[in-house]
Amino acid sequence: MATLTRTALQLNAAVGIACVVAAGALMSLMLSAPERIAAAVAKDDYGSIAAAVGSELLRWLHALVHFL
């Protein structure tokens, strides 16, 4: 039972970290390209917002790898 609880807590932590990173990427996008986000929301084009968030995350990963 303890193993199941520990696994559930680790999964919960991983999901929480992923949500925080995705929210940070979205906030970064909203600060750097608000007109692009507003236009996509106005057109109900959430796929382009998801693609932009993914691109932002890849840009962060590239910067991190370049730093290391």
C-alpha atoms as a PDB file:
ATOM      1  CA  MET A   1       0.000   0.000   0.000  1.00  0.00           C
ATOM      2  CA  ALA A   2       2.844   2.386   0.795  1.00  0.00           C
ATOM      3  CA  THR A   3       4.328   1.848  -2.662  1.00  0.00           C
ATOM      4  CA  LEU A   4       1.025   2.724  -4.311  1.00  0.00           C
ATOM      5  CA  THR A   5       0.729   5.888  -2.223  1.00  0.00           C
ATOM      6  CA  ARG A   6       4.291   6.893  -3.027  1.00  0.00           C
ATOM      7  CA  THR A   7       3.745   6.294  -6.746  1.00  0.00           C
ATOM      8  CA  ALA A   8       0.532   8.335  -6.677  1.00  0.00           C
ATOM      9  CA  LEU A   9       2.302  11.220  -4.948  1.00  0.00           C
ATOM     10  CA  GLN A  10       5.169  11.127  -7.448  1.00  0.00           C
ATOM     11  CA  LEU A  11       2.720  11.141 -10.349  1.00  0.00           C
ATOM     12  CA  ASN A  12       0.858  14.037  -8.764  1.00  0.00           C
ATOM     13  CA  ALA A  13       4.122  15.960  -8.388  1.00  0.00           C
ATOM     14  CA  ALA A  14       5.085  15.288 -12.027  1.00  0.00           C
ATOM     15  CA  VAL A  15       1.703  16.489 -13.280  1.00  0.00           C
ATOM     16  CA  GLY A  16       1.958  19.571 -11.078  1.00  0.00           C
ATOM     17  CA  ILE A  17       5.415  20.446 -12.388  1.00  0.00           C
ATOM     18  CA  ALA A  18       4.252  19.957 -15.990  1.00  0.00           C
ATOM     19  CA  CYS A  19       1.281  22.259 -15.384  1.00  0.00           C
ATOM     20  CA  VAL A  20       3.479  24.948 -13.855  1.00  0.00           C
ATOM     21  CA  VAL A  21       5.909  24.788 -16.784  1.00  0.00           C
ATOM     22  CA  ALA A  22       3.083  24.959 -19.335  1.00  0.00           C
ATOM     23  CA  ALA A  23       1.477  27.881 -17.490  1.00  0.00           C
ATOM     24  CA  GLY A  24       4.829  29.669 -17.400  1.00  0.00           C
ATOM     25  CA  ALA A  25       5.260  29.186 -21.137  1.00  0.00           C
ATOM     26  CA  LEU A  26       1.764  30.540 -21.767  1.00  0.00           C
ATOM     27  CA  MET A  27       2.407  33.582 -19.564  1.00  0.00           C
ATOM     28  CA  SER A  28       5.708  34.190 -21.346  1.00  0.00           C
ATOM     29  CA  LEU A  29       3.895  34.020 -24.673  1.00  0.00           C
ATOM     30  CA  MET A  30       1.196  36.387 -23.472  1.00  0.00           C
ATOM     31  CA  LEU A  31       3.842  38.906 -22.456  1.00  0.00           C
ATOM     32  CA  SER A  32       5.981  38.572 -25.586  1.00  0.00           C
ATOM     33  CA  ALA A  33       3.288  38.171 -28.279  1.00  0.00           C
ATOM     34  CA  PRO A  34      -0.097  39.259 -26.914  1.00  0.00           C
ATOM     35  CA  GLU A  35      -1.533  40.172 -30.314  1.00  0.00           C
ATOM     36  CA  ARG A  36      -0.818  36.670 -31.651  1.00  0.00           C
ATOM     37  CA  ILE A  37      -2.533  35.018 -28.688  1.00  0.00           C
ATOM     38  CA  ALA A  38      -5.503  37.416 -28.803  1.00  0.00           C
ATOM     39  CA  ALA A  39      -5.986  36.817 -32.534  1.00  0.00           C
ATOM     40  CA  ALA A  40      -5.906  33.041 -32.053  1.00  0.00           C
ATOM     41  CA  VAL A  41      -8.429  33.189 -29.207  1.00  0.00           C
ATOM     42  CA  ALA A  42     -10.705  35.470 -31.240  1.00  0.00           C
ATOM     43  CA  LYS A  43     -10.678  32.933 -34.093  1.00  0.00           C
ATOM     44  CA  ASP A  44     -11.176  29.964 -31.717  1.00  0.00           C
ATOM     45  CA  ASP A  45      -7.905  28.555 -33.038  1.00  0.00           C
ATOM     46  CA  TYR A  46      -6.557  26.866 -29.927  1.00  0.00           C
ATOM     47  CA  GLY A  47      -4.351  24.540 -31.949  1.00  0.00           C
ATOM     48  CA  SER A  48      -2.079  27.423 -32.870  1.00  0.00           C
ATOM     49  CA  ILE A  49      -1.881  28.432 -29.206  1.00  0.00           C
ATOM     50  CA  ALA A  50      -0.852  24.888 -28.289  1.00  0.00           C
ATOM     51  CA  ALA A  51       1.739  24.934 -31.075  1.00  0.00           C
ATOM     52  CA  ALA A  52       3.062  28.285 -29.852  1.00  0.00           C
ATOM     53  CA  VAL A  53       3.341  26.976 -26.280  1.00  0.00           C
ATOM     54  CA  GLY A  54       5.190  23.904 -27.568  1.00  0.00           C
ATOM     55  CA  SER A  55       7.505  26.135 -29.574  1.00  0.00           C
ATOM     56  CA  GLU A  56       8.157  28.268 -26.493  1.00  0.00           C
ATOM     57  CA  LEU A  57       8.968  25.168 -24.441  1.00  0.00           C
ATOM     58  CA  LEU A  58      11.369  23.973 -27.140  1.00  0.00           C
ATOM     59  CA  ARG A  59      12.997  27.396 -27.167  1.00  0.00           C
ATOM     60  CA  TRP A  60      13.475  27.161 -23.387  1.00  0.00           C
ATOM     61  CA  LEU A  61      14.914  23.659 -23.732  1.00  0.00           C
ATOM     62  CA  HIS A  62      17.294  24.840 -26.451  1.00  0.00           C
ATOM     63  CA  ALA A  63      18.467  27.717 -24.225  1.00  0.00           C
ATOM     64  CA  LEU A  64      18.974  25.323 -21.315  1.00  0.00           C
ATOM     65  CA  VAL A  65      20.971  22.859 -23.404  1.00  0.00           C
ATOM     66  CA  HIS A  66      23.021  25.699 -24.893  1.00  0.00           C
ATOM     67  CA  PHE A  67      23.741  26.939 -21.354  1.00  0.00           C
ATOM     68  CA  LEU A  68      24.925  23.522 -20.212  1.00  0.00           C
END
